[in-house]
Protein backbone atom coordinates (compact mmCIF):
# COMPACT_ATOMS: atom_id res chain seq x y z
CA MET A 1 75.54 110.62 106.50
CA THR A 2 75.48 107.64 108.78
CA GLY A 3 77.04 104.24 109.02
CA ALA A 4 80.29 102.89 107.67
CA GLY A 5 81.63 101.18 104.61
CA VAL A 6 84.65 98.94 104.15
CA VAL A 7 87.58 99.42 101.78
CA ILE A 8 89.79 96.42 100.95
CA PRO A 9 92.82 97.32 98.82
CA VAL A 10 94.30 94.29 97.03
CA ARG A 11 97.18 94.67 94.58
CA ALA A 12 96.99 91.17 93.02
CA PHE A 13 96.73 87.59 94.20
CA ALA A 14 99.30 86.33 91.72
CA LEU A 15 101.91 88.80 92.93
CA GLY A 16 100.87 88.87 96.56
CA LYS A 17 102.95 87.93 99.56
CA ALA A 18 106.26 88.44 97.74
CA ARG A 19 108.17 88.36 101.04
CA LEU A 20 107.10 84.72 101.36
CA ALA A 21 108.55 83.66 97.99
CA ALA A 22 111.38 81.67 99.62
CA GLN A 23 108.81 79.59 101.55
CA LEU A 24 105.91 79.33 99.08
CA ASP A 25 105.76 78.91 95.32
CA ASP A 26 103.77 81.37 93.20
CA GLN A 27 100.59 79.29 93.07
CA THR A 28 100.58 78.62 96.82
CA ARG A 29 101.14 82.31 97.56
CA ALA A 30 98.26 83.27 95.25
CA GLU A 31 95.98 80.70 96.92
CA LEU A 32 96.98 82.00 100.36
CA ALA A 33 96.33 85.60 99.33
CA ARG A 34 92.87 84.64 98.03
CA LYS A 35 92.00 82.75 101.23
CA LEU A 36 93.09 85.66 103.38
CA ALA A 37 91.06 88.10 101.26
CA ASP A 38 88.05 85.76 101.57
CA ARG A 39 88.30 86.07 105.33
CA VAL A 40 88.44 89.86 105.24
CA GLY A 41 85.62 90.08 102.71
CA ALA A 42 83.46 87.93 104.98
CA ALA A 43 84.41 90.09 107.98
CA SER A 44 82.89 93.12 106.26
CA GLY A 45 79.50 91.49 106.85
CA GLU A 46 76.59 93.63 105.70
CA LEU A 47 78.59 96.86 105.45
CA PRO A 48 78.90 98.35 101.96
CA THR A 49 82.26 97.07 100.74
CA VAL A 50 84.56 97.97 97.89
CA VAL A 51 87.69 96.19 96.71
CA VAL A 52 90.28 98.52 95.22
CA SER A 53 92.24 96.64 92.57
CA SER A 54 93.16 96.66 88.91
CA ALA A 55 94.17 92.98 88.83
CA SER A 56 91.73 90.84 86.86
CA ASP A 57 92.01 87.87 89.26
CA VAL A 58 91.13 90.09 92.23
CA ARG A 59 88.33 91.87 90.38
CA ASP A 60 86.80 88.50 89.36
CA TRP A 61 87.09 87.24 92.94
CA ALA A 62 85.45 90.38 94.35
CA ARG A 63 82.54 90.26 91.92
CA SER A 64 82.01 86.54 92.66
CA ARG A 65 81.59 87.51 96.33
CA GLY A 66 79.14 90.31 95.49
CA LEU A 67 81.65 93.04 96.38
CA GLU A 68 81.98 96.28 94.46
CA VAL A 69 85.24 97.02 92.63
CA VAL A 70 87.08 100.22 91.72
CA ASP A 71 90.40 100.67 89.93
CA ASP A 72 93.60 100.81 91.93
CA PRO A 73 95.21 104.23 91.43
CA GLY A 74 98.68 102.77 92.01
CA THR A 75 99.66 103.11 95.67
CA LEU A 76 98.17 101.79 98.88
CA ASP A 77 97.70 105.34 100.18
CA ASP A 78 95.85 106.34 97.03
CA ALA A 79 93.81 103.11 97.08
CA ALA A 80 92.65 103.92 100.62
CA ALA A 81 91.71 107.45 99.55
CA THR A 82 89.85 106.17 96.48
CA GLY A 83 87.96 103.68 98.64
CA ARG A 84 87.13 106.38 101.18
CA GLY A 85 85.63 108.43 98.32
CA TRP A 86 83.56 105.44 97.18
CA VAL A 87 82.27 104.91 100.74
CA GLY A 88 81.40 108.60 101.13
CA ALA A 89 79.57 108.65 97.78
CA ARG A 90 77.30 105.92 99.15
CA GLY A 91 76.25 108.10 102.08
CA CYS A 92 78.46 106.50 104.69
CA ALA A 93 80.04 108.71 107.34
CA ARG A 94 83.04 106.46 108.00
CA ALA A 95 85.48 104.39 105.98
CA VAL A 96 87.05 101.27 107.47
CA ILE A 97 90.16 100.41 105.48
CA ALA A 98 91.22 96.80 106.08
CA HIS A 99 94.23 95.01 104.69
CA ALA A 100 93.39 91.82 102.82
CA ASP A 101 95.78 89.58 104.79
CA LEU A 102 94.01 89.16 108.14
CA PRO A 103 93.44 85.41 108.61
CA LEU A 104 91.70 85.73 111.98
CA ALA A 105 89.33 88.58 111.07
CA ARG A 106 85.75 87.95 112.12
CA SER A 107 84.05 91.33 112.03
CA LEU A 108 85.01 94.81 110.90
CA ALA A 109 81.69 96.30 112.07
CA PRO A 110 83.00 97.47 115.48
CA LEU A 111 85.47 99.76 113.68
CA GLY A 112 82.56 101.58 112.05
CA ARG A 113 80.74 102.48 115.25
CA ASP A 114 82.17 105.99 115.56
CA GLY A 115 80.12 107.12 112.56
CA ALA A 116 80.79 110.78 111.74
CA ARG A 117 82.52 111.54 115.07
CA PRO A 118 85.94 113.18 114.65
CA ILE A 119 87.85 110.09 115.74
CA VAL A 120 90.45 107.96 113.99
CA ALA A 121 90.53 104.35 115.18
CA VAL A 122 93.55 102.20 114.39
CA VAL A 123 94.31 98.52 114.82
CA PRO A 124 98.10 98.26 114.86
CA CYS A 125 99.66 95.09 113.51
CA HIS A 126 100.87 92.44 115.92
CA ARG A 127 104.36 93.96 115.67
CA ASP A 128 102.99 97.41 116.72
CA ASP A 129 104.50 98.94 113.60
CA GLY A 130 102.01 98.80 110.74
CA THR A 131 98.29 99.50 110.45
CA THR A 132 96.05 96.53 109.64
CA VAL A 133 92.71 98.35 109.99
CA LEU A 134 92.13 102.10 109.97
CA SER A 135 88.77 103.79 110.54
CA VAL A 136 88.34 107.43 109.55
CA PRO A 137 85.46 109.84 109.00
CA VAL A 138 84.98 110.34 105.26
CA ASP A 139 84.64 114.13 105.45
CA VAL A 140 88.13 114.94 106.74
CA PRO A 141 91.26 115.29 104.57
CA PHE A 142 93.09 112.46 106.35
CA ARG A 143 96.34 111.61 104.53
CA PHE A 144 97.04 107.91 104.52
CA ALA A 145 100.64 106.87 105.19
CA TYR A 146 100.97 103.09 104.86
CA GLY A 147 104.20 101.11 105.02
CA PRO A 148 106.65 100.40 107.84
CA GLY A 149 105.91 102.72 110.77
CA SER A 150 102.42 103.59 109.52
CA PHE A 151 100.86 103.19 112.97
CA ARG A 152 102.85 106.18 114.27
CA ARG A 153 102.35 108.21 111.09
CA HIS A 154 98.58 107.68 111.24
CA ALA A 155 98.59 108.83 114.89
CA ALA A 156 100.52 111.95 113.88
CA GLU A 157 98.07 112.65 111.05
CA ALA A 158 95.12 112.44 113.45
CA ARG A 159 96.88 114.93 115.76
CA ARG A 160 97.63 117.23 112.81
CA LEU A 161 93.93 117.34 111.96
CA GLY A 162 92.84 117.74 115.59
CA LEU A 163 91.02 114.40 115.57
CA GLY A 164 90.67 111.99 118.45
CA PHE A 165 92.84 108.89 118.17
CA ARG A 166 91.87 105.51 119.52
CA VAL A 167 94.08 102.44 119.48
CA VAL A 168 92.02 99.26 119.13
CA ARG A 169 93.82 96.23 120.54
CA ASP A 170 92.14 93.36 118.73
CA ALA A 171 94.29 90.24 118.35
CA GLU A 172 92.14 88.91 115.50
CA LEU A 173 92.45 92.09 113.43
CA ALA A 174 96.07 92.79 114.41
CA PHE A 175 97.53 89.56 113.06
CA ASP A 176 98.55 89.92 109.43
CA VAL A 177 100.63 87.58 107.30
CA ASP A 178 103.67 89.36 105.92
CA VAL A 179 106.86 87.47 106.76
CA PRO A 180 107.92 83.81 107.17
CA ASP A 181 107.48 83.88 110.97
CA ASP A 182 103.83 84.83 110.40
CA LEU A 183 103.32 81.61 108.40
CA HIS A 184 104.58 79.55 111.32
CA ARG A 185 102.34 81.44 113.74
CA LEU A 186 99.41 81.02 111.37
CA ASP A 187 99.96 77.23 111.34
CA LEU A 188 99.80 77.28 115.15
CA LEU A 189 96.69 79.48 115.32
CA VAL A 190 94.56 78.02 112.53
CA PRO A 191 94.24 74.23 112.44
């Protein structure tokens, strides 16, 4: 096994960015979610990439971009695990799980460089709380633990398994759009 593949879990565009409902109507939120996912899909470059979703709008979008699709098993943790399995089945040694709301993402390839080495690489969100990108070897039983505080839980999981843990400070991959303040910052960053 060599190389890396990318996993992009996406619940649904139409329901996405619910915490922004007071600022954006449903259609605008769906359009924003699609644009953000476009950016992350493009950042996967030539790496084998799978979108984990059961939403028809997301599945149609992924196929239109030439990305593979697998069904969402119901939780973000399970979606990451399902994607990791897909990546491993394609002969890749490493899975790079990237959230679909990274407007500044340019390339996910650097997160795949560790190959099969027993290292977990994490890009914490710009609030140093969540995990925007997580890179794990496919052949270890790493338990995903997304949600508030996931950065620390992923570090603890790497320690539990005896894996190396590397924090990747990448401003482009760390900035995700979750709350109203992020919209304002996004307006300032992206003309």
